Amino acid sequence: MKWLAIAARQKGKALHVAIVIWQRAGMKKSRTVSLPKKQLKEFGVDRFAKARALKELSKVGLITVERHPGRSPVITIKDVDR
């Protein structure tokens, strides 16, 4: 809950993206996931909002992001100690 509470305090669609990240992580049973735009579209998140949200979540230390040209970014969920 602490992780999501921090995500909820970030700007824009950060919480929407955070929820999708955790949902995908639970399905894959892995803290490292990709974020396809189709699933985010269901939450009303376009590619620009996705980029801003990933930047916000990364800035506060909730995730790390690996970007690859032409592919969805690879997100790794980090632990929080707050």
PDB file of N, CA and C in Angstrom:
ATOM      1  N   MET A   1       0.815  -1.203   0.000  1.00  0.00           N
ATOM      2  CA  MET A   1       0.000   0.000   0.000  1.00  0.00           C
ATOM      3  C   MET A   1       0.855   1.261   0.000  1.00  0.00           C
ATOM      4  N   LYS A   2       1.997   1.207   0.667  1.00  0.00           N
ATOM      5  CA  LYS A   2       2.866   2.384   0.729  1.00  0.00           C
ATOM      6  C   LYS A   2       3.310   2.799  -0.672  1.00  0.00           C
ATOM      7  N   TRP A   3       3.655   1.802  -1.502  1.00  0.00           N
ATOM      8  CA  TRP A   3       4.094   2.065  -2.863  1.00  0.00           C
ATOM      9  C   TRP A   3       2.988   2.788  -3.636  1.00  0.00           C
ATOM     10  N   LEU A   4       1.759   2.266  -3.559  1.00  0.00           N
ATOM     11  CA  LEU A   4       0.636   2.887  -4.270  1.00  0.00           C
ATOM     12  C   LEU A   4       0.294   4.261  -3.706  1.00  0.00           C
ATOM     13  N   ALA A   5       0.445   4.446  -2.410  1.00  0.00           N
ATOM     14  CA  ALA A   5       0.180   5.755  -1.803  1.00  0.00           C
ATOM     15  C   ALA A   5       1.140   6.794  -2.350  1.00  0.00           C
ATOM     16  N   ILE A   6       2.396   6.420  -2.531  1.00  0.00           N
ATOM     17  CA  ILE A   6       3.370   7.349  -3.114  1.00  0.00           C
ATOM     18  C   ILE A   6       3.000   7.636  -4.568  1.00  0.00           C
ATOM     19  N   ALA A   7       2.628   6.612  -5.303  1.00  0.00           N
ATOM     20  CA  ALA A   7       2.225   6.785  -6.701  1.00  0.00           C
ATOM     21  C   ALA A   7       1.015   7.707  -6.806  1.00  0.00           C
ATOM     22  N   ALA A   8       0.082   7.586  -5.879  1.00  0.00           N
ATOM     23  CA  ALA A   8      -1.139   8.396  -5.908  1.00  0.00           C
ATOM     24  C   ALA A   8      -0.863   9.884  -5.722  1.00  0.00           C
ATOM     25  N   ARG A   9       0.250  10.216  -5.090  1.00  0.00           N
ATOM     26  CA  ARG A   9       0.585  11.624  -4.860  1.00  0.00           C
ATOM     27  C   ARG A   9       1.321  12.268  -6.028  1.00  0.00           C
ATOM     28  N   GLN A  10       1.576  11.506  -7.087  1.00  0.00           N
ATOM     29  CA  GLN A  10       2.296  12.040  -8.242  1.00  0.00           C
ATOM     30  C   GLN A  10       1.320  12.683  -9.223  1.00  0.00           C
ATOM     31  N   LYS A  11       1.874  13.459 -10.134  1.00  0.00           N
ATOM     32  CA  LYS A  11       1.065  14.205 -11.105  1.00  0.00           C
ATOM     33  C   LYS A  11       0.431  13.306 -12.157  1.00  0.00           C
ATOM     34  N   GLY A  12      -0.623  13.832 -12.777  1.00  0.00           N
ATOM     35  CA  GLY A  12      -1.214  13.225 -13.965  1.00  0.00           C
ATOM     36  C   GLY A  12      -1.754  11.829 -13.765  1.00  0.00           C
ATOM     37  N   LYS A  13      -1.441  10.978 -14.715  1.00  0.00           N
ATOM     38  CA  LYS A  13      -1.965   9.614 -14.749  1.00  0.00           C
ATOM     39  C   LYS A  13      -1.016   8.612 -14.091  1.00  0.00           C
ATOM     40  N   ALA A  14      -0.147   9.091 -13.211  1.00  0.00           N
ATOM     41  CA  ALA A  14       0.836   8.206 -12.574  1.00  0.00           C
ATOM     42  C   ALA A  14       0.164   7.052 -11.835  1.00  0.00           C
ATOM     43  N   LEU A  15      -0.911   7.312 -11.124  1.00  0.00           N
ATOM     44  CA  LEU A  15      -1.587   6.234 -10.393  1.00  0.00           C
ATOM     45  C   LEU A  15      -2.190   5.223 -11.361  1.00  0.00           C
ATOM     46  N   HIS A  16      -2.776   5.695 -12.460  1.00  0.00           N
ATOM     47  CA  HIS A  16      -3.343   4.787 -13.459  1.00  0.00           C
ATOM     48  C   HIS A  16      -2.263   3.836 -13.984  1.00  0.00           C
ATOM     49  N   VAL A  17      -1.123   4.413 -14.325  1.00  0.00           N
ATOM     50  CA  VAL A  17      -0.015   3.617 -14.855  1.00  0.00           C
ATOM     51  C   VAL A  17       0.521   2.672 -13.781  1.00  0.00           C
ATOM     52  N   ALA A  18       0.608   3.136 -12.553  1.00  0.00           N
ATOM     53  CA  ALA A  18       1.090   2.303 -11.443  1.00  0.00           C
ATOM     54  C   ALA A  18       0.202   1.087 -11.242  1.00  0.00           C
ATOM     55  N   ILE A  19      -1.092   1.270 -11.337  1.00  0.00           N
ATOM     56  CA  ILE A  19      -2.029   0.151 -11.171  1.00  0.00           C
ATOM     57  C   ILE A  19      -1.840  -0.876 -12.279  1.00  0.00           C
ATOM     58  N   VAL A  20      -1.664  -0.412 -13.505  1.00  0.00           N
ATOM     59  CA  VAL A  20      -1.442  -1.335 -14.620  1.00  0.00           C
ATOM     60  C   VAL A  20      -0.111  -2.075 -14.446  1.00  0.00           C
ATOM     61  N   ILE A  21       0.914  -1.367 -13.979  1.00  0.00           N
ATOM     62  CA  ILE A  21       2.208  -2.011 -13.730  1.00  0.00           C
ATOM     63  C   ILE A  21       2.035  -3.158 -12.733  1.00  0.00           C
ATOM     64  N   TRP A  22       1.370  -2.901 -11.615  1.00  0.00           N
ATOM     65  CA  TRP A  22       1.187  -3.940 -10.597  1.00  0.00           C
ATOM     66  C   TRP A  22       0.304  -5.079 -11.104  1.00  0.00           C
ATOM     67  N   GLN A  23      -0.711  -4.755 -11.896  1.00  0.00           N
ATOM     68  CA  GLN A  23      -1.589  -5.788 -12.444  1.00  0.00           C
ATOM     69  C   GLN A  23      -0.784  -6.714 -13.351  1.00  0.00           C
ATOM     70  N   ARG A  24       0.046  -6.143 -14.222  1.00  0.00           N
ATOM     71  CA  ARG A  24       0.877  -6.958 -15.128  1.00  0.00           C
ATOM     72  C   ARG A  24       1.915  -7.757 -14.349  1.00  0.00           C
ATOM     73  N   ALA A  25       2.488  -7.148 -13.320  1.00  0.00           N
ATOM     74  CA  ALA A  25       3.485  -7.843 -12.501  1.00  0.00           C
ATOM     75  C   ALA A  25       2.847  -9.047 -11.809  1.00  0.00           C
ATOM     76  N   GLY A  26       1.635  -8.881 -11.325  1.00  0.00           N
ATOM     77  CA  GLY A  26       0.934  -9.990 -10.680  1.00  0.00           C
ATOM     78  C   GLY A  26       0.628 -11.119 -11.655  1.00  0.00           C
ATOM     79  N   MET A  27       0.234 -10.767 -12.859  1.00  0.00           N
ATOM     80  CA  MET A  27      -0.062 -11.784 -13.860  1.00  0.00           C
ATOM     81  C   MET A  27       1.195 -12.549 -14.277  1.00  0.00           C
ATOM     82  N   LYS A  28       2.308 -11.822 -14.413  1.00  0.00           N
ATOM     83  CA  LYS A  28       3.561 -12.450 -14.837  1.00  0.00           C
ATOM     84  C   LYS A  28       4.345 -13.062 -13.679  1.00  0.00           C
ATOM     85  N   LYS A  29       3.923 -12.719 -12.452  1.00  0.00           N
ATOM     86  CA  LYS A  29       4.675 -13.130 -11.256  1.00  0.00           C
ATOM     87  C   LYS A  29       6.128 -12.681 -11.359  1.00  0.00           C
ATOM     88  N   SER A  30       6.279 -11.415 -11.771  1.00  0.00           N
ATOM     89  CA  SER A  30       7.606 -10.823 -11.951  1.00  0.00           C
ATOM     90  C   SER A  30       7.500  -9.328 -11.693  1.00  0.00           C
ATOM     91  N   ARG A  31       8.539  -8.754 -11.119  1.00  0.00           N
ATOM     92  CA  ARG A  31       8.559  -7.303 -10.886  1.00  0.00           C
ATOM     93  C   ARG A  31       9.027  -6.550 -12.114  1.00  0.00           C
ATOM     94  N   THR A  32       9.364  -7.252 -13.175  1.00  0.00           N
ATOM     95  CA  THR A  32       9.781  -6.623 -14.418  1.00  0.00           C
ATOM     96  C   THR A  32       8.747  -6.922 -15.491  1.00  0.00           C
ATOM     97  N   VAL A  33       8.177  -5.847 -16.066  1.00  0.00           N
ATOM     98  CA  VAL A  33       7.099  -5.991 -17.049  1.00  0.00           C
ATOM     99  C   VAL A  33       7.261  -4.962 -18.159  1.00  0.00           C
ATOM    100  N   SER A  34       6.543  -5.206 -19.247  1.00  0.00           N
ATOM    101  CA  SER A  34       6.422  -4.192 -20.295  1.00  0.00           C
ATOM    102  C   SER A  34       5.029  -3.581 -20.180  1.00  0.00           C
ATOM    103  N   LEU A  35       4.855  -2.433 -20.807  1.00  0.00           N
ATOM    104  CA  LEU A  35       3.551  -1.753 -20.745  1.00  0.00           C
ATOM    105  C   LEU A  35       3.023  -1.490 -22.143  1.00  0.00           C
ATOM    106  N   PRO A  36       2.249  -2.403 -22.697  1.00  0.00           N
ATOM    107  CA  PRO A  36       1.697  -2.166 -24.030  1.00  0.00           C
ATOM    108  C   PRO A  36       0.632  -1.073 -24.004  1.00  0.00           C
ATOM    109  N   LYS A  37       0.588  -0.289 -25.062  1.00  0.00           N
ATOM    110  CA  LYS A  37      -0.339   0.846 -25.088  1.00  0.00           C
ATOM    111  C   LYS A  37      -1.802   0.421 -25.094  1.00  0.00           C
ATOM    112  N   LYS A  38      -2.100  -0.780 -25.589  1.00  0.00           N
ATOM    113  CA  LYS A  38      -3.500  -1.241 -25.624  1.00  0.00           C
ATOM    114  C   LYS A  38      -4.095  -1.299 -24.218  1.00  0.00           C
ATOM    115  N   GLN A  39      -3.361  -1.850 -23.277  1.00  0.00           N
ATOM    116  CA  GLN A  39      -3.880  -1.971 -21.912  1.00  0.00           C
ATOM    117  C   GLN A  39      -4.008  -0.598 -21.259  1.00  0.00           C
ATOM    118  N   LEU A  40      -3.053   0.286 -21.506  1.00  0.00           N
ATOM    119  CA  LEU A  40      -3.122   1.628 -20.922  1.00  0.00           C
ATOM    120  C   LEU A  40      -4.271   2.432 -21.524  1.00  0.00           C
ATOM    121  N   LYS A  41      -4.572   2.194 -22.784  1.00  0.00           N
ATOM    122  CA  LYS A  41      -5.670   2.906 -23.441  1.00  0.00           C
ATOM    123  C   LYS A  41      -6.994   2.658 -22.720  1.00  0.00           C
ATOM    124  N   GLU A  42      -7.162   1.439 -22.176  1.00  0.00           N
ATOM    125  CA  GLU A  42      -8.375   1.108 -21.419  1.00  0.00           C
ATOM    126  C   GLU A  42      -8.515   1.993 -20.177  1.00  0.00           C
ATOM    127  N   PHE A  43      -7.392   2.516 -19.670  1.00  0.00           N
ATOM    128  CA  PHE A  43      -7.394   3.393 -18.501  1.00  0.00           C
ATOM    129  C   PHE A  43      -7.370   4.871 -18.899  1.00  0.00           C
ATOM    130  N   GLY A  44      -7.492   5.161 -20.196  1.00  0.00           N
ATOM    131  CA  GLY A  44      -7.487   6.540 -20.656  1.00  0.00           C
ATOM    132  C   GLY A  44      -6.104   7.163 -20.679  1.00  0.00           C
ATOM    133  N   VAL A  45      -5.079   6.342 -20.838  1.00  0.00           N
ATOM    134  CA  VAL A  45      -3.700   6.828 -20.829  1.00  0.00           C
ATOM    135  C   VAL A  45      -3.132   6.730 -22.240  1.00  0.00           C
ATOM    136  N   ASP A  46      -2.820   7.886 -22.850  1.00  0.00           N
ATOM    137  CA  ASP A  46      -2.193   7.870 -24.169  1.00  0.00           C
ATOM    138  C   ASP A  46      -0.673   7.779 -24.016  1.00  0.00           C
ATOM    139  N   ARG A  47       0.047   7.729 -25.130  1.00  0.00           N
ATOM    140  CA  ARG A  47       1.493   7.515 -25.051  1.00  0.00           C
ATOM    141  C   ARG A  47       2.226   8.669 -24.385  1.00  0.00           C
ATOM    142  N   PHE A  48       1.692   9.874 -24.503  1.00  0.00           N
ATOM    143  CA  PHE A  48       2.332  11.029 -23.878  1.00  0.00           C
ATOM    144  C   PHE A  48       2.138  11.001 -22.359  1.00  0.00           C
ATOM    145  N   ALA A  49       0.906  10.663 -21.939  1.00  0.00           N
ATOM    146  CA  ALA A  49       0.627  10.547 -20.503  1.00  0.00           C
ATOM    147  C   ALA A  49       1.427   9.390 -19.905  1.00  0.00           C
ATOM    148  N   LYS A  50       1.581   8.310 -20.663  1.00  0.00           N
ATOM    149  CA  LYS A  50       2.380   7.169 -20.213  1.00  0.00           C
ATOM    150  C   LYS A  50       3.822   7.604 -19.962  1.00  0.00           C
ATOM    151  N   ALA A  51       4.396   8.334 -20.904  1.00  0.00           N
ATOM    152  CA  ALA A  51       5.787   8.793 -20.755  1.00  0.00           C
ATOM    153  C   ALA A  51       5.941   9.699 -19.541  1.00  0.00           C
ATOM    154  N   ARG A  52       4.990  10.618 -19.359  1.00  0.00           N
ATOM    155  CA  ARG A  52       5.055  11.523 -18.196  1.00  0.00           C
ATOM    156  C   ARG A  52       4.903  10.754 -16.891  1.00  0.00           C
ATOM    157  N   ALA A  53       3.993   9.789 -16.871  1.00  0.00           N
ATOM    158  CA  ALA A  53       3.757   8.994 -15.660  1.00  0.00           C
ATOM    159  C   ALA A  53       4.987   8.155 -15.310  1.00  0.00           C
ATOM    160  N   LEU A  54       5.594   7.532 -16.297  1.00  0.00           N
ATOM    161  CA  LEU A  54       6.798   6.743 -16.038  1.00  0.00           C
ATOM    162  C   LEU A  54       7.917   7.630 -15.496  1.00  0.00           C
ATOM    163  N   LYS A  55       8.010   8.841 -16.030  1.00  0.00           N
ATOM    164  CA  LYS A  55       9.019   9.783 -15.540  1.00  0.00           C
ATOM    165  C   LYS A  55       8.762  10.135 -14.078  1.00  0.00           C
ATOM    166  N   GLU A  56       7.505  10.397 -13.721  1.00  0.00           N
ATOM    167  CA  GLU A  56       7.138  10.723 -12.336  1.00  0.00           C
ATOM    168  C   GLU A  56       7.434   9.555 -11.391  1.00  0.00           C
ATOM    169  N   LEU A  57       7.026   8.362 -11.779  1.00  0.00           N
ATOM    170  CA  LEU A  57       7.222   7.187 -10.925  1.00  0.00           C
ATOM    171  C   LEU A  57       8.706   6.866 -10.763  1.00  0.00           C
ATOM    172  N   SER A  58       9.456   7.074 -11.817  1.00  0.00           N
ATOM    173  CA  SER A  58      10.905   6.851 -11.760  1.00  0.00           C
ATOM    174  C   SER A  58      11.582   7.899 -10.883  1.00  0.00           C
ATOM    175  N   LYS A  59      11.144   9.143 -11.009  1.00  0.00           N
ATOM    176  CA  LYS A  59      11.726  10.258 -10.255  1.00  0.00           C
ATOM    177  C   LYS A  59      11.633  10.041  -8.749  1.00  0.00           C
ATOM    178  N   VAL A  60      10.539   9.437  -8.285  1.00  0.00           N
ATOM    179  CA  VAL A  60      10.367   9.215  -6.843  1.00  0.00           C
ATOM    180  C   VAL A  60      10.868   7.837  -6.399  1.00  0.00           C
ATOM    181  N   GLY A  61      11.504   7.105  -7.320  1.00  0.00           N
ATOM    182  CA  GLY A  61      12.151   5.853  -6.960  1.00  0.00           C
ATOM    183  C   GLY A  61      11.255   4.635  -6.869  1.00  0.00           C
ATOM    184  N   LEU A  62      10.088   4.675  -7.497  1.00  0.00           N
ATOM    185  CA  LEU A  62       9.189   3.526  -7.447  1.00  0.00           C
ATOM    186  C   LEU A  62       9.512   2.485  -8.514  1.00  0.00           C
ATOM    187  N   ILE A  63      10.089   2.945  -9.628  1.00  0.00           N
ATOM    188  CA  ILE A  63      10.390   2.046 -10.741  1.00  0.00           C
ATOM    189  C   ILE A  63      11.714   2.427 -11.390  1.00  0.00           C
ATOM    190  N   THR A  64      12.242   1.508 -12.167  1.00  0.00           N
ATOM    191  CA  THR A  64      13.301   1.827 -13.118  1.00  0.00           C
ATOM    192  C   THR A  64      12.737   1.539 -14.501  1.00  0.00           C
ATOM    193  N   VAL A  65      13.217   2.280 -15.492  1.00  0.00           N
ATOM    194  CA  VAL A  65      12.687   2.158 -16.844  1.00  0.00           C
ATOM    195  C   VAL A  65      13.838   1.925 -17.818  1.00  0.00           C
ATOM    196  N   GLU A  66      13.710   0.883 -18.632  1.00  0.00           N
ATOM    197  CA  GLU A  66      14.650   0.626 -19.730  1.00  0.00           C
ATOM    198  C   GLU A  66      13.899   0.887 -21.024  1.00  0.00           C
ATOM    199  N   ARG A  67      14.432   1.783 -21.817  1.00  0.00           N
ATOM    200  CA  ARG A  67      13.786   2.098 -23.093  1.00  0.00           C
ATOM    201  C   ARG A  67      14.564   1.463 -24.238  1.00  0.00           C
ATOM    202  N   HIS A  68      13.798   0.921 -25.211  1.00  0.00           N
ATOM    203  CA  HIS A  68      14.371   0.304 -26.397  1.00  0.00           C
ATOM    204  C   HIS A  68      13.631   0.855 -27.606  1.00  0.00           C
ATOM    205  N   PRO A  69      14.353   1.315 -28.627  1.00  0.00           N
ATOM    206  CA  PRO A  69      13.692   1.884 -29.812  1.00  0.00           C
ATOM    207  C   PRO A  69      12.685   0.912 -30.432  1.00  0.00           C
ATOM    208  N   GLY A  70      11.484   1.412 -30.694  1.00  0.00           N
ATOM    209  CA  GLY A  70      10.466   0.620 -31.357  1.00  0.00           C
ATOM    210  C   GLY A  70       9.755  -0.398 -30.487  1.00  0.00           C
ATOM    211  N   ARG A  71      10.052  -0.420 -29.194  1.00  0.00           N
ATOM    212  CA  ARG A  71       9.409  -1.382 -28.295  1.00  0.00           C
ATOM    213  C   ARG A  71       8.869  -0.662 -27.071  1.00  0.00           C
ATOM    214  N   SER A  72       7.953  -1.338 -26.374  1.00  0.00           N
ATOM    215  CA  SER A  72       7.444  -0.791 -25.117  1.00  0.00           C
ATOM    216  C   SER A  72       8.575  -0.769 -24.090  1.00  0.00           C
ATOM    217  N   PRO A  73       8.610   0.238 -23.227  1.00  0.00           N
ATOM    218  CA  PRO A  73       9.648   0.255 -22.195  1.00  0.00           C
ATOM    219  C   PRO A  73       9.491  -0.917 -21.228  1.00  0.00           C
ATOM    220  N   VAL A  74      10.606  -1.331 -20.650  1.00  0.00           N
ATOM    221  CA  VAL A  74      10.604  -2.404 -19.662  1.00  0.00           C
ATOM    222  C   VAL A  74      10.719  -1.754 -18.290  1.00  0.00           C
ATOM    223  N   ILE A  75       9.747  -2.038 -17.441  1.00  0.00           N
ATOM    224  CA  ILE A  75       9.639  -1.405 -16.125  1.00  0.00           C
ATOM    225  C   ILE A  75       9.959  -2.434 -15.043  1.00  0.00           C
ATOM    226  N   THR A  76      10.756  -2.031 -14.069  1.00  0.00           N
ATOM    227  CA  THR A  76      11.029  -2.876 -12.909  1.00  0.00           C
ATOM    228  C   THR A  76      10.550  -2.147 -11.671  1.00  0.00           C
ATOM    229  N   ILE A  77       9.718  -2.815 -10.882  1.00  0.00           N
ATOM    230  CA  ILE A  77       9.189  -2.254  -9.639  1.00  0.00           C
ATOM    231  C   ILE A  77      10.266  -2.335  -8.569  1.00  0.00           C
ATOM    232  N   LYS A  78      10.480  -1.210  -7.889  1.00  0.00           N
ATOM    233  CA  LYS A  78      11.457  -1.156  -6.811  1.00  0.00           C
ATOM    234  C   LYS A  78      10.749  -1.173  -5.461  1.00  0.00           C
ATOM    235  N   ASP A  79      11.429  -1.642  -4.427  1.00  0.00           N
ATOM    236  CA  ASP A  79      10.905  -1.604  -3.077  1.00  0.00           C
ATOM    237  C   ASP A  79      11.015  -0.183  -2.524  1.00  0.00           C
ATOM    238  N   VAL A  80      10.098   0.177  -1.624  1.00  0.00           N
ATOM    239  CA  VAL A  80      10.164   1.478  -0.972  1.00  0.00           C
ATOM    240  C   VAL A  80      10.372   1.276   0.535  1.00  0.00           C
ATOM    241  N   ASP A  81      11.135   2.165   1.132  1.00  0.00           N
ATOM    242  CA  ASP A  81      11.434   2.076   2.567  1.00  0.00           C
ATOM    243  C   ASP A  81      10.829   3.217   3.356  1.00  0.00           C
ATOM    244  N   ARG A  82       9.862   3.895   2.794  1.00  0.00           N
ATOM    245  CA  ARG A  82       9.299   5.082   3.442  1.00  0.00           C
ATOM    246  C   ARG A  82       8.189   4.736   4.359  1.00  0.00           C
TER     247      ARG A  82
END
